[in-house]
Amino acid sequence: MTINPLLPPFAGQTVEVNYDGLAALNDYDEDGLHMTYTITAGDSAGATGRVEYDWQEVANDIFLISWQEADGATVVHVDDFGAHTSRSFYTTPNLDLYRLQGTLSRV
């Protein structure tokens, strides 16, 4: 299997993130540009959306991933696929800021 260096290694995969009070599935398209998220637990359970995301590898297996949702909310993840950890910084449309940390796993 040949890996395209222009695509993130998680392209075409679904990743589950679990934080205290919130869990989600991030289904990354094979194009390396689009993702569908589904909130599976927490106050927003059932919410889903399709977004265009940006990514950058900041260290071996550690990626900075960011997107803006349709309602104006912004999300930034620091996902460490090697250590299976995720940190998320989420700003709501009302400008409330949440800092979350938890686990991630490929589904």
N, C-alpha and C. Protein backbone atom coordinates (compact mmCIF):
# COMPACT_ATOMS: atom_id res chain seq x y z
N MET A 1 0.83 -1.17 0.00
CA MET A 1 0.00 0.00 0.00
C MET A 1 0.88 1.25 0.00
N THR A 2 0.64 2.15 -0.92
CA THR A 2 1.38 3.39 -1.02
C THR A 2 0.64 4.48 -0.26
N ILE A 3 1.37 5.24 0.55
CA ILE A 3 0.77 6.34 1.30
C ILE A 3 1.03 7.63 0.56
N ASN A 4 -0.02 8.40 0.34
CA ASN A 4 0.09 9.69 -0.32
C ASN A 4 0.51 10.72 0.73
N PRO A 5 1.68 11.34 0.58
CA PRO A 5 2.14 12.31 1.59
C PRO A 5 1.29 13.58 1.63
N LEU A 6 0.42 13.78 0.64
CA LEU A 6 -0.43 14.95 0.64
C LEU A 6 -1.73 14.71 1.40
N LEU A 7 -1.94 13.48 1.85
CA LEU A 7 -3.14 13.13 2.61
C LEU A 7 -2.75 12.74 4.03
N PRO A 8 -3.61 13.06 5.00
CA PRO A 8 -3.29 12.61 6.36
C PRO A 8 -3.46 11.09 6.45
N PRO A 9 -2.72 10.44 7.33
CA PRO A 9 -2.83 8.99 7.44
C PRO A 9 -4.19 8.52 7.94
N PHE A 10 -5.00 9.43 8.48
CA PHE A 10 -6.34 9.06 8.94
C PHE A 10 -7.41 9.28 7.87
N ALA A 11 -7.02 9.72 6.67
CA ALA A 11 -7.99 9.89 5.57
C ALA A 11 -8.65 8.55 5.28
N GLY A 12 -9.96 8.58 5.12
CA GLY A 12 -10.72 7.36 4.84
C GLY A 12 -11.04 6.54 6.09
N GLN A 13 -10.76 7.08 7.27
CA GLN A 13 -10.99 6.35 8.51
C GLN A 13 -12.00 7.07 9.40
N THR A 14 -12.56 6.31 10.32
CA THR A 14 -13.43 6.88 11.34
C THR A 14 -12.69 6.82 12.67
N VAL A 15 -12.71 7.93 13.38
CA VAL A 15 -12.02 8.05 14.66
C VAL A 15 -13.05 8.40 15.72
N GLU A 16 -12.99 7.71 16.85
CA GLU A 16 -13.87 8.01 17.98
C GLU A 16 -13.07 8.78 19.02
N VAL A 17 -13.61 9.92 19.45
CA VAL A 17 -13.00 10.69 20.53
C VAL A 17 -13.94 10.64 21.73
N ASN A 18 -13.36 10.48 22.91
CA ASN A 18 -14.13 10.44 24.16
C ASN A 18 -13.53 11.41 25.14
N TYR A 19 -14.34 12.39 25.53
CA TYR A 19 -13.96 13.36 26.54
C TYR A 19 -14.94 13.23 27.71
N ASP A 20 -14.64 13.87 28.80
CA ASP A 20 -15.56 13.86 29.93
C ASP A 20 -16.84 14.61 29.53
N GLY A 21 -17.94 13.88 29.38
CA GLY A 21 -19.22 14.50 29.04
C GLY A 21 -19.50 14.65 27.56
N LEU A 22 -18.61 14.16 26.70
CA LEU A 22 -18.84 14.29 25.26
C LEU A 22 -18.07 13.19 24.53
N ALA A 23 -18.74 12.57 23.56
CA ALA A 23 -18.08 11.61 22.68
C ALA A 23 -18.55 11.87 21.26
N ALA A 24 -17.69 11.58 20.29
CA ALA A 24 -18.04 11.84 18.89
C ALA A 24 -17.32 10.86 17.98
N LEU A 25 -17.92 10.67 16.82
CA LEU A 25 -17.27 9.94 15.73
C LEU A 25 -16.91 10.95 14.65
N ASN A 26 -15.67 10.95 14.24
CA ASN A 26 -15.20 11.80 13.15
C ASN A 26 -14.88 10.88 11.98
N ASP A 27 -15.69 10.98 10.94
CA ASP A 27 -15.54 10.12 9.76
C ASP A 27 -14.84 10.94 8.67
N TYR A 28 -13.53 10.70 8.53
CA TYR A 28 -12.71 11.46 7.59
C TYR A 28 -12.81 10.87 6.19
N ASP A 29 -13.17 11.71 5.22
CA ASP A 29 -13.24 11.27 3.82
C ASP A 29 -11.84 10.94 3.30
N GLU A 30 -11.81 10.14 2.25
CA GLU A 30 -10.54 9.76 1.63
C GLU A 30 -9.85 10.93 0.94
N ASP A 31 -10.57 12.04 0.70
CA ASP A 31 -9.97 13.18 0.01
C ASP A 31 -9.03 13.99 0.89
N GLY A 32 -9.01 13.74 2.20
CA GLY A 32 -8.14 14.48 3.10
C GLY A 32 -8.58 15.90 3.35
N LEU A 33 -9.80 16.24 2.96
CA LEU A 33 -10.32 17.61 3.10
C LEU A 33 -11.64 17.70 3.87
N HIS A 34 -12.44 16.65 3.83
CA HIS A 34 -13.79 16.70 4.39
C HIS A 34 -13.98 15.63 5.45
N MET A 35 -14.88 15.94 6.39
CA MET A 35 -15.14 15.04 7.49
C MET A 35 -16.59 15.23 7.92
N THR A 36 -17.21 14.12 8.34
CA THR A 36 -18.54 14.18 8.93
C THR A 36 -18.39 13.80 10.40
N TYR A 37 -18.88 14.68 11.28
CA TYR A 37 -18.81 14.39 12.71
C TYR A 37 -20.22 14.05 13.20
N THR A 38 -20.28 13.17 14.18
CA THR A 38 -21.53 12.81 14.83
C THR A 38 -21.28 12.77 16.32
N ILE A 39 -22.00 13.59 17.08
CA ILE A 39 -21.88 13.58 18.54
C ILE A 39 -22.68 12.38 19.04
N THR A 40 -22.03 11.49 19.77
CA THR A 40 -22.68 10.25 20.21
C THR A 40 -23.03 10.24 21.69
N ALA A 41 -22.47 11.15 22.47
CA ALA A 41 -22.79 11.22 23.90
C ALA A 41 -22.59 12.65 24.38
N GLY A 42 -23.39 13.03 25.36
CA GLY A 42 -23.30 14.37 25.93
C GLY A 42 -24.53 15.19 25.59
N ASP A 43 -24.51 16.46 25.98
CA ASP A 43 -25.65 17.35 25.78
C ASP A 43 -26.05 17.51 24.33
N SER A 44 -25.12 17.38 23.41
CA SER A 44 -25.40 17.57 21.98
C SER A 44 -25.53 16.25 21.23
N ALA A 45 -25.75 15.14 21.95
CA ALA A 45 -25.85 13.82 21.31
C ALA A 45 -26.86 13.87 20.17
N GLY A 46 -26.48 13.30 19.04
CA GLY A 46 -27.32 13.28 17.85
C GLY A 46 -26.97 14.36 16.84
N ALA A 47 -26.25 15.38 17.28
CA ALA A 47 -25.84 16.44 16.34
C ALA A 47 -24.84 15.87 15.35
N THR A 48 -24.96 16.30 14.12
CA THR A 48 -24.04 15.85 13.08
C THR A 48 -23.81 16.98 12.10
N GLY A 49 -22.72 16.92 11.39
CA GLY A 49 -22.42 17.93 10.39
C GLY A 49 -21.29 17.47 9.49
N ARG A 50 -21.22 18.10 8.36
CA ARG A 50 -20.15 17.83 7.40
C ARG A 50 -19.34 19.11 7.26
N VAL A 51 -18.03 18.99 7.39
CA VAL A 51 -17.15 20.15 7.38
C VAL A 51 -15.94 19.92 6.49
N GLU A 52 -15.33 21.01 6.12
CA GLU A 52 -14.01 20.96 5.49
C GLU A 52 -13.01 21.25 6.60
N TYR A 53 -11.98 20.43 6.71
CA TYR A 53 -11.01 20.60 7.79
C TYR A 53 -9.62 20.87 7.22
N ASP A 54 -8.77 21.37 8.09
CA ASP A 54 -7.38 21.59 7.77
C ASP A 54 -6.56 20.76 8.75
N TRP A 55 -5.44 20.26 8.32
CA TRP A 55 -4.62 19.43 9.19
C TRP A 55 -3.14 19.71 8.97
N GLN A 56 -2.36 19.42 10.00
CA GLN A 56 -0.91 19.54 9.90
C GLN A 56 -0.30 18.56 10.90
N GLU A 57 0.69 17.82 10.46
CA GLU A 57 1.42 16.95 11.39
C GLU A 57 2.42 17.82 12.14
N VAL A 58 2.35 17.80 13.47
CA VAL A 58 3.24 18.63 14.27
C VAL A 58 4.39 17.82 14.89
N ALA A 59 4.22 16.52 14.95
CA ALA A 59 5.25 15.60 15.41
C ALA A 59 4.83 14.22 14.92
N ASN A 60 5.68 13.24 15.10
CA ASN A 60 5.37 11.90 14.64
C ASN A 60 4.05 11.41 15.24
N ASP A 61 3.05 11.18 14.39
CA ASP A 61 1.73 10.67 14.79
C ASP A 61 0.88 11.67 15.57
N ILE A 62 1.29 12.95 15.65
CA ILE A 62 0.52 13.98 16.35
C ILE A 62 0.07 15.01 15.31
N PHE A 63 -1.24 15.25 15.28
CA PHE A 63 -1.81 16.11 14.25
C PHE A 63 -2.65 17.22 14.85
N LEU A 64 -2.52 18.40 14.27
CA LEU A 64 -3.37 19.54 14.56
C LEU A 64 -4.45 19.54 13.49
N ILE A 65 -5.71 19.45 13.90
CA ILE A 65 -6.85 19.35 12.98
C ILE A 65 -7.84 20.43 13.38
N SER A 66 -8.30 21.24 12.41
CA SER A 66 -9.24 22.31 12.76
C SER A 66 -10.33 22.44 11.71
N TRP A 67 -11.49 22.95 12.17
CA TRP A 67 -12.60 23.21 11.25
C TRP A 67 -13.56 24.19 11.88
N GLN A 68 -14.44 24.73 11.04
CA GLN A 68 -15.53 25.59 11.50
C GLN A 68 -16.84 24.94 11.10
N GLU A 69 -17.76 24.88 12.06
CA GLU A 69 -19.06 24.25 11.82
C GLU A 69 -20.04 25.25 11.23
N ALA A 70 -21.14 24.76 10.69
CA ALA A 70 -22.11 25.59 9.99
C ALA A 70 -22.67 26.71 10.88
N ASP A 71 -22.76 26.47 12.19
CA ASP A 71 -23.31 27.49 13.09
C ASP A 71 -22.26 28.50 13.53
N GLY A 72 -21.02 28.38 13.03
CA GLY A 72 -19.95 29.30 13.37
C GLY A 72 -19.03 28.81 14.46
N ALA A 73 -19.38 27.70 15.11
CA ALA A 73 -18.50 27.14 16.14
C ALA A 73 -17.17 26.74 15.50
N THR A 74 -16.09 26.86 16.26
CA THR A 74 -14.79 26.46 15.78
C THR A 74 -14.23 25.34 16.66
N VAL A 75 -13.51 24.43 16.03
CA VAL A 75 -12.95 23.28 16.73
C VAL A 75 -11.49 23.12 16.32
N VAL A 76 -10.63 22.90 17.31
CA VAL A 76 -9.23 22.59 17.06
C VAL A 76 -8.89 21.36 17.89
N HIS A 77 -8.36 20.34 17.25
CA HIS A 77 -7.91 19.12 17.93
C HIS A 77 -6.40 19.02 17.85
N VAL A 78 -5.80 18.50 18.90
CA VAL A 78 -4.44 18.01 18.87
C VAL A 78 -4.57 16.52 19.15
N ASP A 79 -4.52 15.72 18.10
CA ASP A 79 -4.76 14.28 18.21
C ASP A 79 -3.44 13.53 18.08
N ASP A 80 -3.14 12.75 19.12
CA ASP A 80 -1.93 11.94 19.14
C ASP A 80 -2.36 10.50 18.90
N PHE A 81 -2.21 10.05 17.66
CA PHE A 81 -2.65 8.72 17.29
C PHE A 81 -1.77 7.64 17.90
N GLY A 82 -0.52 7.94 18.18
CA GLY A 82 0.37 6.97 18.81
C GLY A 82 0.01 6.73 20.27
N ALA A 83 -0.30 7.80 20.99
CA ALA A 83 -0.64 7.70 22.42
C ALA A 83 -2.15 7.54 22.64
N HIS A 84 -2.94 7.65 21.55
CA HIS A 84 -4.41 7.53 21.62
C HIS A 84 -5.04 8.59 22.53
N THR A 85 -4.54 9.81 22.41
CA THR A 85 -5.09 10.91 23.19
C THR A 85 -5.55 12.04 22.28
N SER A 86 -6.49 12.82 22.80
CA SER A 86 -7.00 13.97 22.04
C SER A 86 -7.21 15.13 23.00
N ARG A 87 -6.82 16.29 22.53
CA ARG A 87 -7.15 17.55 23.22
C ARG A 87 -7.97 18.35 22.22
N SER A 88 -9.03 18.95 22.71
CA SER A 88 -9.88 19.73 21.83
C SER A 88 -10.15 21.09 22.44
N PHE A 89 -10.11 22.10 21.60
CA PHE A 89 -10.44 23.46 21.98
C PHE A 89 -11.63 23.86 21.11
N TYR A 90 -12.75 24.14 21.75
CA TYR A 90 -14.02 24.33 21.05
C TYR A 90 -14.62 25.66 21.47
N THR A 91 -14.92 26.51 20.49
CA THR A 91 -15.57 27.79 20.75
C THR A 91 -16.97 27.75 20.14
N THR A 92 -17.98 28.00 20.95
CA THR A 92 -19.37 27.97 20.50
C THR A 92 -19.69 29.25 19.72
N PRO A 93 -20.83 29.27 19.04
CA PRO A 93 -21.24 30.50 18.34
C PRO A 93 -21.40 31.68 19.31
N ASN A 94 -21.65 31.40 20.61
CA ASN A 94 -21.77 32.46 21.62
C ASN A 94 -20.42 32.83 22.24
N LEU A 95 -19.35 32.28 21.69
CA LEU A 95 -17.97 32.55 22.10
C LEU A 95 -17.61 31.94 23.45
N ASP A 96 -18.34 30.91 23.89
CA ASP A 96 -17.94 30.14 25.06
C ASP A 96 -16.81 29.21 24.63
N LEU A 97 -15.75 29.14 25.42
CA LEU A 97 -14.59 28.32 25.09
C LEU A 97 -14.54 27.10 25.99
N TYR A 98 -14.37 25.93 25.39
CA TYR A 98 -14.24 24.67 26.13
C TYR A 98 -12.90 24.05 25.78
N ARG A 99 -12.23 23.54 26.81
CA ARG A 99 -10.96 22.81 26.64
C ARG A 99 -11.20 21.40 27.14
N LEU A 100 -11.06 20.43 26.24
CA LEU A 100 -11.36 19.05 26.56
C LEU A 100 -10.13 18.18 26.34
N GLN A 101 -10.01 17.14 27.12
CA GLN A 101 -8.98 16.15 26.86
C GLN A 101 -9.55 14.77 27.11
N GLY A 102 -9.07 13.83 26.31
CA GLY A 102 -9.60 12.48 26.43
C GLY A 102 -8.83 11.51 25.54
N THR A 103 -9.56 10.50 25.09
CA THR A 103 -8.94 9.43 24.32
C THR A 103 -9.45 9.44 22.88
N LEU A 104 -8.68 8.80 22.01
CA LEU A 104 -9.14 8.61 20.65
C LEU A 104 -8.78 7.20 20.19
N SER A 105 -9.59 6.67 19.32
CA SER A 105 -9.32 5.35 18.76
C SER A 105 -9.89 5.29 17.36
N ARG A 106 -9.21 4.54 16.51
CA ARG A 106 -9.73 4.29 15.16
C ARG A 106 -10.82 3.24 15.28
N VAL A 107 -11.93 3.45 14.59
CA VAL A 107 -13.06 2.52 14.64
C VAL A 107 -12.97 1.57 13.47
